Amino acid sequence: MATPESKVKAEVKKVIAEFGSKIDQFWPVPSGFGESHLDCILCANGFFVAIETKAPGKKPTPRQVYRAKTTVDASGFALVIDGTDKTTTYNQLRLILAELCSVERSKS
């Protein structure tokens, strides 16, 4: 049976898939070794994006808030998505990724 958070992850994966090879994504599986990160790490046209998915209405843990902050401090993008309008929505994610993927970048 799908959990509420797994349904959010599935929707996020659908949005990311719309951008094909412009996005490289990695969904780390927590193993108990080393420091963990947010649920999805991706590179969108050279931009670093970290996404934390939550069940609707759930909040990030202090560790997740810290990882989001370190991402933003390093000039990356950190998003929390729970499938509601209280966090980044799927349409907002789509718009953010479209904007990042449309930036003309030098490949040197």
Protein backbone atom coordinates (compact mmCIF):
# COMPACT_ATOMS: atom_id res chain seq x y z
CA MET A 1 0.00 0.00 0.00
CA ALA A 2 1.32 3.44 -0.92
CA THR A 3 1.99 5.79 1.96
CA PRO A 4 0.94 9.46 1.82
CA GLU A 5 4.60 10.50 1.43
CA SER A 6 5.22 7.95 -1.34
CA LYS A 7 2.31 9.46 -3.28
CA VAL A 8 3.96 12.90 -3.00
CA LYS A 9 7.30 11.42 -4.16
CA ALA A 10 5.58 9.81 -7.16
CA GLU A 11 4.09 13.15 -8.21
CA VAL A 12 7.44 14.92 -7.80
CA LYS A 13 9.09 12.24 -9.96
CA LYS A 14 6.44 12.79 -12.66
CA VAL A 15 7.17 16.53 -12.75
CA ILE A 16 10.94 15.94 -12.90
CA ALA A 17 10.49 13.38 -15.71
CA GLU A 18 8.90 16.11 -17.88
CA PHE A 19 12.38 17.66 -18.27
CA GLY A 20 14.12 14.52 -19.53
CA SER A 21 17.89 14.71 -19.82
CA LYS A 22 18.03 18.34 -18.64
CA ILE A 23 17.80 17.01 -15.09
CA ASP A 24 19.95 14.44 -13.35
CA GLN A 25 18.23 13.19 -10.20
CA PHE A 26 19.29 11.06 -7.26
CA TRP A 27 17.01 9.71 -4.54
CA PRO A 28 19.38 8.53 -1.78
CA VAL A 29 18.30 5.58 0.32
CA PRO A 30 19.14 6.12 4.01
CA SER A 31 21.49 3.40 5.19
CA GLY A 32 22.59 4.61 8.59
CA PHE A 33 26.13 5.35 7.39
CA GLY A 34 27.38 8.90 7.10
CA GLU A 35 25.35 12.07 6.95
CA SER A 36 22.06 11.99 5.08
CA HIS A 37 20.55 14.69 2.90
CA LEU A 38 17.04 15.53 1.68
CA ASP A 39 14.90 13.06 -0.29
CA CYS A 40 15.88 14.13 -3.80
CA ILE A 41 19.09 15.71 -5.01
CA LEU A 42 19.11 16.96 -8.56
CA CYS A 43 21.08 18.98 -11.03
CA ALA A 44 18.85 21.03 -13.31
CA ASN A 45 20.92 22.58 -16.10
CA GLY A 46 23.84 23.03 -13.70
CA PHE A 47 21.78 24.26 -10.75
CA PHE A 48 21.76 22.27 -7.50
CA VAL A 49 18.29 21.54 -6.12
CA ALA A 50 17.38 19.55 -3.00
CA ILE A 51 13.78 18.48 -2.40
CA GLU A 52 12.25 17.14 0.80
CA THR A 53 8.92 15.37 0.36
CA LYS A 54 6.54 15.04 3.28
CA ALA A 55 3.15 13.51 3.88
CA PRO A 56 0.47 16.23 3.65
CA GLY A 57 0.67 18.52 6.68
CA LYS A 58 3.93 17.04 8.03
CA LYS A 59 6.88 19.32 8.77
CA PRO A 60 10.59 18.79 8.09
CA THR A 61 12.68 17.54 11.01
CA PRO A 62 15.38 19.79 12.50
CA ARG A 63 18.02 17.83 10.54
CA GLN A 64 16.08 18.36 7.29
CA VAL A 65 15.73 22.08 8.04
CA TYR A 66 19.50 22.21 8.63
CA ARG A 67 20.24 20.42 5.30
CA ALA A 68 17.89 22.81 3.45
CA LYS A 69 19.68 25.77 5.06
CA THR A 70 23.14 24.50 4.09
CA THR A 71 21.91 24.03 0.51
CA VAL A 72 20.59 27.59 0.34
CA ASP A 73 23.73 28.94 2.03
CA ALA A 74 25.74 27.29 -0.79
CA SER A 75 23.53 29.08 -3.39
CA GLY A 76 21.47 25.99 -4.19
CA PHE A 77 17.71 25.63 -4.11
CA ALA A 78 15.88 23.76 -1.33
CA LEU A 79 12.19 22.92 -1.60
CA VAL A 80 9.71 21.20 0.71
CA ILE A 81 6.74 19.57 -0.99
CA ASP A 82 3.82 17.92 0.82
CA GLY A 83 1.20 17.95 -1.91
CA THR A 84 -0.70 20.91 -0.40
CA ASP A 85 -0.71 24.65 -1.05
CA LYS A 86 1.14 25.25 2.23
CA THR A 87 4.47 24.19 0.70
CA THR A 88 5.91 24.28 -2.81
CA THR A 89 3.20 22.93 -5.11
CA TYR A 90 3.74 20.59 -8.06
CA ASN A 91 3.01 23.48 -10.44
CA GLN A 92 5.50 25.71 -8.63
CA LEU A 93 8.10 22.92 -8.88
CA ARG A 94 7.38 22.65 -12.62
CA LEU A 95 7.82 26.44 -13.04
CA ILE A 96 11.04 26.52 -11.01
CA LEU A 97 12.56 23.65 -13.00
CA ALA A 98 11.42 25.18 -16.31
CA GLU A 99 13.10 28.45 -15.36
CA LEU A 100 16.34 26.75 -14.32
CA CYS A 101 16.40 24.57 -17.44
CA SER A 102 15.87 27.58 -19.72
CA VAL A 103 18.90 29.54 -18.51
CA GLU A 104 21.59 29.77 -21.20
CA ARG A 105 24.78 28.38 -19.69
CA SER A 106 28.29 28.11 -21.03
CA LYS A 107 29.52 24.50 -21.14
CA SER A 108 33.25 25.04 -20.73
